[in-house]
């Protein structure tokens, strides 16, 4: 990943592996988006680096969904969800 990761309305992203986010980046979830963290690791592997975390965009009618399964870990993050 080279920057922010955006999951758009009605889209689903499933992660099963290690994902290294660049420093200062974030995962953005639009309304009605789904993020499935299925045994993955979200981290920043740059020396002394941290990524921003997951930003949730919601509306009055709908919210995004985050599903955590198995041994998912979130590391080196400034704003954990």
C-alpha atoms as a PDB file:
ATOM      1  CA  UNK A   1       0.000   0.000   0.000  1.00  0.00           C
ATOM      2  CA  UNK A   2       1.396   3.425  -0.943  1.00  0.00           C
ATOM      3  CA  UNK A   3      -1.173   5.758   0.686  1.00  0.00           C
ATOM      4  CA  UNK A   4      -4.673   5.853   2.107  1.00  0.00           C
ATOM      5  CA  UNK A   5      -6.843   2.825   1.467  1.00  0.00           C
ATOM      6  CA  UNK A   6     -10.461   3.810   0.685  1.00  0.00           C
ATOM      7  CA  UNK A   7     -13.310   1.308   0.796  1.00  0.00           C
ATOM      8  CA  UNK A   8     -16.192   2.884  -1.080  1.00  0.00           C
ATOM      9  CA  UNK A   9     -19.947   2.609  -0.567  1.00  0.00           C
ATOM     10  CA  UNK A  10     -21.292  -0.973  -0.979  1.00  0.00           C
ATOM     11  CA  UNK A  11     -17.741  -2.375  -1.369  1.00  0.00           C
ATOM     12  CA  UNK A  12     -16.214  -5.134   0.770  1.00  0.00           C
ATOM     13  CA  UNK A  13     -12.524  -5.710   1.447  1.00  0.00           C
ATOM     14  CA  UNK A  14     -11.326  -8.890   3.179  1.00  0.00           C
ATOM     15  CA  UNK A  15      -7.764  -9.021   4.511  1.00  0.00           C
ATOM     16  CA  UNK A  16      -6.070 -12.353   5.311  1.00  0.00           C
ATOM     17  CA  UNK A  17      -2.379 -11.387   5.458  1.00  0.00           C
ATOM     18  CA  UNK A  18       0.032  -8.760   6.760  1.00  0.00           C
ATOM     19  CA  UNK A  19      -0.718  -5.300   5.375  1.00  0.00           C
ATOM     20  CA  UNK A  20       1.950  -2.650   5.895  1.00  0.00           C
ATOM     21  CA  UNK A  21       0.468   0.836   5.845  1.00  0.00           C
ATOM     22  CA  UNK A  22       2.804   3.774   5.135  1.00  0.00           C
ATOM     23  CA  UNK A  23       3.416   6.338   7.894  1.00  0.00           C
ATOM     24  CA  UNK A  24       0.564   8.829   8.218  1.00  0.00           C
ATOM     25  CA  UNK A  25      -1.842   6.787   6.074  1.00  0.00           C
ATOM     26  CA  UNK A  26      -5.292   5.542   7.059  1.00  0.00           C
ATOM     27  CA  UNK A  27      -8.030   3.168   6.016  1.00  0.00           C
ATOM     28  CA  UNK A  28     -11.199   5.107   5.169  1.00  0.00           C
ATOM     29  CA  UNK A  29     -14.578   3.362   5.294  1.00  0.00           C
ATOM     30  CA  UNK A  30     -17.424   5.068   3.433  1.00  0.00           C
ATOM     31  CA  UNK A  31     -21.053   4.484   4.532  1.00  0.00           C
ATOM     32  CA  UNK A  32     -22.252   0.947   3.693  1.00  0.00           C
ATOM     33  CA  UNK A  33     -18.654  -0.260   3.188  1.00  0.00           C
ATOM     34  CA  UNK A  34     -17.465  -3.470   4.869  1.00  0.00           C
ATOM     35  CA  UNK A  35     -13.972  -4.303   6.109  1.00  0.00           C
ATOM     36  CA  UNK A  36     -13.359  -7.928   7.120  1.00  0.00           C
ATOM     37  CA  UNK A  37     -10.164  -8.511   9.095  1.00  0.00           C
ATOM     38  CA  UNK A  38      -9.738 -12.287   8.913  1.00  0.00           C
ATOM     39  CA  UNK A  39      -6.555 -13.320  10.690  1.00  0.00           C
ATOM     40  CA  UNK A  40      -4.537 -10.404   9.318  1.00  0.00           C
ATOM     41  CA  UNK A  41      -2.015  -7.969  10.747  1.00  0.00           C
ATOM     42  CA  UNK A  42      -2.333  -4.246  10.033  1.00  0.00           C
ATOM     43  CA  UNK A  43       0.925  -2.471  10.781  1.00  0.00           C
ATOM     44  CA  UNK A  44       3.476   0.126   9.713  1.00  0.00           C
ATOM     45  CA  UNK A  45       6.882  -1.473   9.213  1.00  0.00           C
ATOM     46  CA  UNK A  46       8.821   1.756   8.664  1.00  0.00           C
ATOM     47  CA  UNK A  47      11.332   2.532  11.388  1.00  0.00           C
ATOM     48  CA  UNK A  48       9.611   4.608  14.114  1.00  0.00           C
ATOM     49  CA  UNK A  49       6.602   5.000  11.805  1.00  0.00           C
ATOM     50  CA  UNK A  50       2.943   4.914  12.703  1.00  0.00           C
ATOM     51  CA  UNK A  51      -0.128   4.855  10.512  1.00  0.00           C
ATOM     52  CA  UNK A  52      -3.245   6.849  11.472  1.00  0.00           C
ATOM     53  CA  UNK A  53      -5.803   4.054  11.870  1.00  0.00           C
ATOM     54  CA  UNK A  54      -9.300   3.478  10.511  1.00  0.00           C
ATOM     55  CA  UNK A  55     -11.527   6.463   9.709  1.00  0.00           C
ATOM     56  CA  UNK A  56     -15.254   5.754   9.667  1.00  0.00           C
ATOM     57  CA  UNK A  57     -17.497   7.923   7.500  1.00  0.00           C
ATOM     58  CA  UNK A  58     -21.122   7.472   8.455  1.00  0.00           C
ATOM     59  CA  UNK A  59     -24.402   9.031   7.485  1.00  0.00           C
ATOM     60  CA  UNK A  60     -27.800   9.240   9.129  1.00  0.00           C
ATOM     61  CA  UNK A  61     -29.012   6.275   7.084  1.00  0.00           C
ATOM     62  CA  UNK A  62     -26.027   3.930   7.154  1.00  0.00           C
ATOM     63  CA  UNK A  63     -22.732   3.122   8.797  1.00  0.00           C
ATOM     64  CA  UNK A  64     -19.798   1.044   7.607  1.00  0.00           C
ATOM     65  CA  UNK A  65     -19.117  -2.372   9.127  1.00  0.00           C
ATOM     66  CA  UNK A  66     -15.888  -3.799  10.535  1.00  0.00           C
ATOM     67  CA  UNK A  67     -15.765  -7.541  11.193  1.00  0.00           C
ATOM     68  CA  UNK A  68     -12.816  -9.006  13.116  1.00  0.00           C
ATOM     69  CA  UNK A  69     -12.208 -12.745  12.902  1.00  0.00           C
ATOM     70  CA  UNK A  70      -9.584 -15.065  14.353  1.00  0.00           C
ATOM     71  CA  UNK A  71      -6.275 -13.593  15.496  1.00  0.00           C
ATOM     72  CA  UNK A  72      -6.308 -10.168  13.897  1.00  0.00           C
ATOM     73  CA  UNK A  73      -3.806  -7.633  15.209  1.00  0.00           C
ATOM     74  CA  UNK A  74      -3.442  -3.902  14.687  1.00  0.00           C
ATOM     75  CA  UNK A  75       0.044  -2.531  15.397  1.00  0.00           C
ATOM     76  CA  UNK A  76       1.964   0.759  15.262  1.00  0.00           C
ATOM     77  CA  UNK A  77      -1.224   2.820  14.970  1.00  0.00           C
ATOM     78  CA  UNK A  78      -1.883   6.305  16.380  1.00  0.00           C
ATOM     79  CA  UNK A  79      -5.699   6.019  16.587  1.00  0.00           C
ATOM     80  CA  UNK A  80      -6.859   2.446  17.094  1.00  0.00           C
ATOM     81  CA  UNK A  81     -10.488   1.777  16.283  1.00  0.00           C
END
